[in-house]
Structure formats: C-alpha cells, structure tokens
Protein backbone atom coordinates (compact mmCIF):
# COMPACT_ATOMS: atom_id res chain seq x y z
CA GLN A 1 108.89 88.55 83.07
CA VAL A 2 105.55 89.27 84.61
CA GLN A 3 103.65 92.29 83.04
CA LEU A 4 100.46 93.91 83.76
CA VAL A 5 98.90 96.01 80.96
CA GLU A 6 95.84 98.17 81.51
CA SER A 7 93.45 99.27 78.84
CA GLY A 8 90.01 100.78 78.62
CA GLY A 9 90.72 104.31 79.68
CA GLY A 10 89.37 107.43 77.85
CA LEU A 11 87.36 110.41 77.94
CA VAL A 12 83.74 110.08 79.06
CA GLN A 13 81.04 112.54 80.28
CA ALA A 14 79.90 112.82 83.92
CA GLY A 15 77.40 110.08 84.66
CA GLY A 16 78.85 107.82 81.89
CA SER A 17 80.69 104.47 82.29
CA LEU A 18 84.03 102.76 81.55
CA ARG A 19 85.44 99.38 82.06
CA LEU A 20 89.19 99.00 82.67
CA SER A 21 90.96 95.85 82.17
CA CYS A 22 94.23 94.54 83.45
CA ALA A 23 95.87 91.70 81.50
CA ALA A 24 98.64 89.86 83.31
CA SER A 25 101.37 87.71 81.53
CA GLY A 26 104.34 85.98 82.50
CA ARG A 27 102.93 84.00 85.22
CA THR A 28 99.47 83.02 86.74
CA LEU A 29 98.31 85.34 89.38
CA SER A 30 95.54 83.40 90.57
CA SER A 31 97.02 83.45 94.11
CA TYR A 32 97.58 87.21 94.34
CA ALA A 33 95.34 89.99 95.43
CA LEU A 34 94.68 92.27 92.67
CA GLY A 35 93.64 95.90 92.98
CA TRP A 36 93.55 99.33 91.35
CA PHE A 37 95.09 102.64 92.40
CA ARG A 38 94.74 106.08 90.65
CA GLN A 39 96.54 109.30 90.89
CA ALA A 40 95.38 112.70 89.73
CA PRO A 41 98.03 115.53 88.83
CA GLY A 42 99.16 117.10 92.01
CA ASN A 43 97.66 114.55 94.23
CA VAL A 44 98.93 111.39 96.01
CA ARG A 45 98.40 107.82 94.96
CA GLU A 46 94.69 106.75 96.12
CA PHE A 47 93.49 103.43 96.80
CA VAL A 48 90.38 102.46 94.61
CA ALA A 49 89.47 98.96 94.83
CA ALA A 50 90.96 95.30 95.56
CA ILE A 51 89.87 91.79 95.37
CA THR A 52 91.50 88.91 97.21
CA SER A 53 93.01 85.92 95.49
CA GLY A 54 89.96 83.76 96.15
CA GLY A 55 87.68 86.35 94.75
CA VAL A 56 85.43 86.10 97.87
CA SER A 57 86.23 89.48 99.24
CA THR A 58 86.20 93.04 97.69
CA TYR A 59 87.18 96.32 99.13
CA TYR A 60 86.35 99.81 97.87
CA ALA A 61 87.43 103.45 98.60
CA ASP A 62 84.46 105.16 100.13
CA SER A 63 84.41 107.44 97.21
CA VAL A 64 83.63 104.97 94.80
CA LYS A 65 81.35 102.52 96.73
CA GLY A 66 78.15 101.74 94.89
CA ARG A 67 79.80 103.04 91.51
CA PHE A 68 82.62 100.82 90.90
CA THR A 69 82.88 96.98 90.91
CA ILE A 70 86.16 95.04 90.78
CA SER A 71 86.18 91.35 89.37
CA ARG A 72 88.58 88.80 88.25
CA ASP A 73 88.79 86.00 85.85
CA SER A 74 91.66 83.47 87.02
CA ALA A 75 91.11 81.47 83.72
CA LYS A 76 92.08 84.53 81.61
CA ASN A 77 94.48 85.97 84.20
CA MET A 78 92.67 89.28 84.12
CA ALA A 79 91.02 91.76 86.25
CA THR A 80 88.45 94.33 85.61
CA LEU A 81 87.11 97.55 87.03
CA GLN A 82 83.59 98.57 86.01
CA MET A 83 83.09 102.30 86.68
CA ASN A 84 79.65 103.68 86.59
CA SER A 85 78.19 107.09 87.48
CA LEU A 86 81.51 108.63 86.79
CA LYS A 87 82.31 112.01 88.21
CA PRO A 88 84.89 114.49 87.22
CA ASP A 89 86.80 113.92 90.51
CA ASP A 90 87.38 110.36 89.15
CA THR A 91 89.84 111.90 86.42
CA ALA A 92 93.44 110.30 87.05
CA ASP A 93 95.73 107.75 85.87
CA TYR A 94 94.53 104.18 86.93
CA TYR A 95 97.12 101.64 87.75
CA CYS A 96 96.59 97.87 88.13
CA VAL A 97 98.68 96.20 90.94
CA ALA A 98 99.31 92.72 92.30
CA ALA A 99 100.49 91.54 95.60
CA ARG A 100 100.70 88.29 97.57
CA MET A 101 98.67 89.48 100.34
CA TYR A 102 95.87 92.08 100.52
CA ARG A 103 97.57 93.84 103.40
CA SER A 104 100.75 94.33 101.31
CA LEU A 105 98.75 95.75 98.66
CA ARG A 106 97.10 98.39 100.76
CA HIS A 107 100.47 99.37 102.14
CA GLU A 108 101.66 99.85 98.62
CA GLU A 109 104.02 96.98 98.70
CA TYR A 110 103.38 95.46 95.32
CA ASP A 111 104.95 92.65 93.57
CA TYR A 112 103.74 93.83 90.09
CA TRP A 113 102.15 96.95 88.56
CA GLY A 114 101.09 98.29 85.36
CA GLN A 115 101.97 101.45 83.48
CA GLY A 116 98.52 103.08 83.85
CA THR A 117 95.66 104.11 81.75
CA GLN A 118 94.19 107.70 81.65
CA VAL A 119 90.63 108.30 82.54
CA THR A 120 89.31 111.75 82.06
CA VAL A 121 85.57 112.69 82.93
CA SER A 122 84.25 115.86 81.72
CA SER A 123 81.63 117.89 83.61
C-alpha cells in the first residue's frame, strides 16, 4: 500500500525556519505531482505549494511566495518544504499530497495523502 508520511513539524518563533519532509513508500511517485496543503483550526484547507512530476515547475500560494520552497528527490521518493521567515499565520497542520496531474491536485482530487504534521509559529 502507498503511504505518505510527513515529518519535521514543531514549534518555532516568528522569523524562524522549518523543513518538512514527505516520505513515500509502496510505489514510486516520480510520475506524480506532489504538493502541500495546510489547515488551521476553524479554517478551510489551503493550498501551499506544488511541484510537477518532472520537477521543472513549482507553484506557490501568494501568502508563501518568497518564503517557502518545495522540492523533490525522485531517487529517495521524497518531497520537502523549506519554510523560512515563518509567521504566526503559518500555524496549521500541514499535509503532503500526490496526484497524477497537477490540475487534479489543485482541485483536491488526490491519489494519496498523508496524516499531517503540526506547525506552530509563536509571535
């Protein structure tokens, strides 16, 4: 069975950095678009970032542009989200997702998703 497991969340002060990792197992996801969504208490699920299967194109929410960087390592079957200059508004549960097409991912039509990792940014 395919599993996505997120790690790297925690508590950090505003202005600090965290690196989230998404480890996939069960099958190779080199042909899938990968991405990150987040959800804060009382809020809807929000798109954060995505990377295409070839790794050529990346996409970011306006709120994180210039601060977050998504990358992937096909050899390790992993994706990462480097988060810099963190703000209290970044506090949320972060979820790794995979979809055969980027468009499907943005429409929340995922093939696989993880259980999330919590990020808390203090002021």
